[in-house]
C-alpha atoms as a PDB file:
ATOM      1  CA  MET A   1      83.359 -22.335  45.797  1.00  0.00           C
ATOM      2  CA  SER A   2      83.840 -21.987  49.469  1.00  0.00           C
ATOM      3  CA  GLY A   3      81.239 -23.585  51.675  1.00  0.00           C
ATOM      4  CA  MET A   4      80.631 -26.484  49.303  1.00  0.00           C
ATOM      5  CA  GLY A   5      81.083 -29.991  50.555  1.00  0.00           C
ATOM      6  CA  PRO A   6      82.862 -32.654  48.488  1.00  0.00           C
ATOM      7  CA  GLY A   7      79.559 -34.137  47.315  1.00  0.00           C
ATOM      8  CA  MET A   8      78.237 -30.782  46.126  1.00  0.00           C
ATOM      9  CA  LEU A   9      81.489 -30.007  44.341  1.00  0.00           C
ATOM     10  CA  LYS A  10      81.459 -33.401  42.596  1.00  0.00           C
ATOM     11  CA  ALA A  11      77.834 -32.900  41.508  1.00  0.00           C
ATOM     12  CA  SER A  12      78.548 -29.426  40.141  1.00  0.00           C
ATOM     13  CA  ARG A  13      81.531 -30.723  38.192  1.00  0.00           C
ATOM     14  CA  ALA A  14      79.406 -33.529  36.754  1.00  0.00           C
ATOM     15  CA  LEU A  15      76.797 -30.999  35.615  1.00  0.00           C
ATOM     16  CA  LEU A  16      79.476 -28.838  33.995  1.00  0.00           C
ATOM     17  CA  GLY A  17      81.012 -31.764  32.120  1.00  0.00           C
ATOM     18  CA  GLU A  18      84.087 -32.030  34.349  1.00  0.00           C
ATOM     19  CA  ALA A  19      83.438 -35.475  35.760  1.00  0.00           C
ATOM     20  CA  GLY A  20      87.056 -36.564  35.397  1.00  0.00           C
ATOM     21  CA  HIS A  21      86.539 -39.166  32.685  1.00  0.00           C
ATOM     22  CA  GLY A  22      88.342 -37.267  29.923  1.00  0.00           C
ATOM     23  CA  HIS A  23      85.231 -35.372  28.811  1.00  0.00           C
ATOM     24  CA  GLY A  24      86.247 -31.952  30.110  1.00  0.00           C
ATOM     25  CA  HIS A  25      88.141 -29.857  27.596  1.00  0.00           C
ATOM     26  CA  GLU A  26      88.431 -32.584  24.944  1.00  0.00           C
ATOM     27  CA  TYR A  27      84.658 -32.570  24.623  1.00  0.00           C
ATOM     28  CA  VAL A  28      84.662 -28.887  23.631  1.00  0.00           C
ATOM     29  CA  LYS A  29      87.661 -29.149  21.287  1.00  0.00           C
ATOM     30  CA  SER A  30      86.135 -32.035  19.327  1.00  0.00           C
ATOM     31  CA  ASN A  31      83.451 -29.774  17.832  1.00  0.00           C
ATOM     32  CA  ILE A  32      86.018 -27.628  15.944  1.00  0.00           C
ATOM     33  CA  ALA A  33      86.862 -30.265  13.320  1.00  0.00           C
ATOM     34  CA  GLY A  34      83.234 -30.996  12.354  1.00  0.00           C
ATOM     35  CA  LYS A  35      82.987 -33.848  14.811  1.00  0.00           C
ATOM     36  CA  TYR A  36      80.675 -34.124  17.767  1.00  0.00           C
ATOM     37  CA  ASN A  37      82.053 -36.447  20.412  1.00  0.00           C
ATOM     38  CA  GLY A  38      83.585 -38.669  17.726  1.00  0.00           C
ATOM     39  CA  VAL A  39      80.575 -38.587  15.359  1.00  0.00           C
ATOM     40  CA  VAL A  40      81.167 -36.880  12.005  1.00  0.00           C
ATOM     41  CA  ILE A  41      78.171 -34.906  10.717  1.00  0.00           C
ATOM     42  CA  HIS A  42      78.135 -35.070   6.912  1.00  0.00           C
ATOM     43  CA  PRO A  43      76.460 -32.378   4.812  1.00  0.00           C
ATOM     44  CA  PRO A  44      72.951 -33.280   3.595  1.00  0.00           C
ATOM     45  CA  LYS A  45      72.417 -34.680   0.121  1.00  0.00           C
ATOM     46  CA  PRO A  46      70.536 -32.511  -2.417  1.00  0.00           C
ATOM     47  CA  TRP A  47      67.370 -34.638  -2.237  1.00  0.00           C
ATOM     48  CA  GLN A  48      67.355 -34.304   1.563  1.00  0.00           C
ATOM     49  CA  ARG A  49      67.558 -30.506   1.293  1.00  0.00           C
ATOM     50  CA  ARG A  50      64.694 -30.448  -1.229  1.00  0.00           C
ATOM     51  CA  ALA A  51      62.596 -32.783   0.935  1.00  0.00           C
ATOM     52  CA  ALA A  52      63.206 -30.618   4.014  1.00  0.00           C
ATOM     53  CA  THR A  53      62.209 -27.498   2.072  1.00  0.00           C
ATOM     54  CA  PHE A  54      59.072 -29.198   0.738  1.00  0.00           C
ATOM     55  CA  PHE A  55      57.926 -30.503   4.114  1.00  0.00           C
ATOM     56  CA  GLY A  56      58.782 -27.222   5.846  1.00  0.00           C
ATOM     57  CA  ALA A  57      56.803 -25.202   3.289  1.00  0.00           C
ATOM     58  CA  THR A  58      53.885 -27.651   3.471  1.00  0.00           C
ATOM     59  CA  THR A  59      53.801 -27.386   7.268  1.00  0.00           C
ATOM     60  CA  CYS A  60      53.961 -23.590   7.160  1.00  0.00           C
ATOM     61  CA  LEU A  61      51.152 -23.351   4.601  1.00  0.00           C
ATOM     62  CA  TRP A  62      49.017 -25.841   6.552  1.00  0.00           C
ATOM     63  CA  LEU A  63      49.474 -23.833   9.750  1.00  0.00           C
ATOM     64  CA  MET A  64      48.491 -20.596   8.003  1.00  0.00           C
ATOM     65  CA  TRP A  65      45.405 -22.277   6.513  1.00  0.00           C
ATOM     66  CA  ARG A  66      44.372 -23.658   9.916  1.00  0.00           C
ATOM     67  CA  CYS A  67      44.811 -20.188  11.455  1.00  0.00           C
ATOM     68  CA  LYS A  68      42.601 -18.743   8.712  1.00  0.00           C
ATOM     69  CA  GLU A  69      39.935 -21.383   9.326  1.00  0.00           C
ATOM     70  CA  ASP A  70      40.091 -21.773  13.124  1.00  0.00           C
ATOM     71  CA  GLY A  71      42.097 -18.779  14.335  1.00  0.00           C
ATOM     72  CA  ALA A  72      39.178 -17.161  16.177  1.00  0.00           C
ATOM     73  CA  VAL A  73      38.403 -20.414  17.992  1.00  0.00           C
ATOM     74  CA  PHE A  74      42.059 -20.863  18.942  1.00  0.00           C
ATOM     75  CA  LEU A  75      42.262 -17.312  20.308  1.00  0.00           C
ATOM     76  CA  GLY A  76      38.978 -17.737  22.210  1.00  0.00           C
ATOM     77  CA  LEU A  77      37.079 -15.123  20.199  1.00  0.00           C
ATOM     78  CA  ARG A  78      34.271 -17.546  19.366  1.00  0.00           C
ATOM     79  CA  HIS A  79      33.161 -21.066  20.297  1.00  0.00           C
ATOM     80  CA  PRO A  80      33.744 -23.957  17.866  1.00  0.00           C
ATOM     81  CA  TRP A  81      30.027 -24.814  17.777  1.00  0.00           C
ATOM     82  CA  GLU A  82      29.040 -21.297  16.644  1.00  0.00           C
ATOM     83  CA  HIS A  83      28.853 -20.722  12.898  1.00  0.00           C
END
C-alpha cells in the first residue's frame, strides 16, 4: 500500500472492517458458532417453513399467470391497448 496517505489507509481499513474497534478478526470468527455479531439465528418453526413455501409458490404461480396474460406487452411485442 505504498503511496497511500494516512487518511486513505484509515478509510480502506474502515471499509474492510479493520477499524480498530475489535471488529476485525472477531467479527469473522463469530459466524462459526451460529452467531452473527452476537445475534443467534434460530431455526425456523414448522409453520414458518410452510408459510414461506405457500407464499413462495403463490408468488411464483402469480408471476407465471401474469406472464401468460401480459407477457407480450411486457416484452414490447404488442401495445396494451391492442386486443
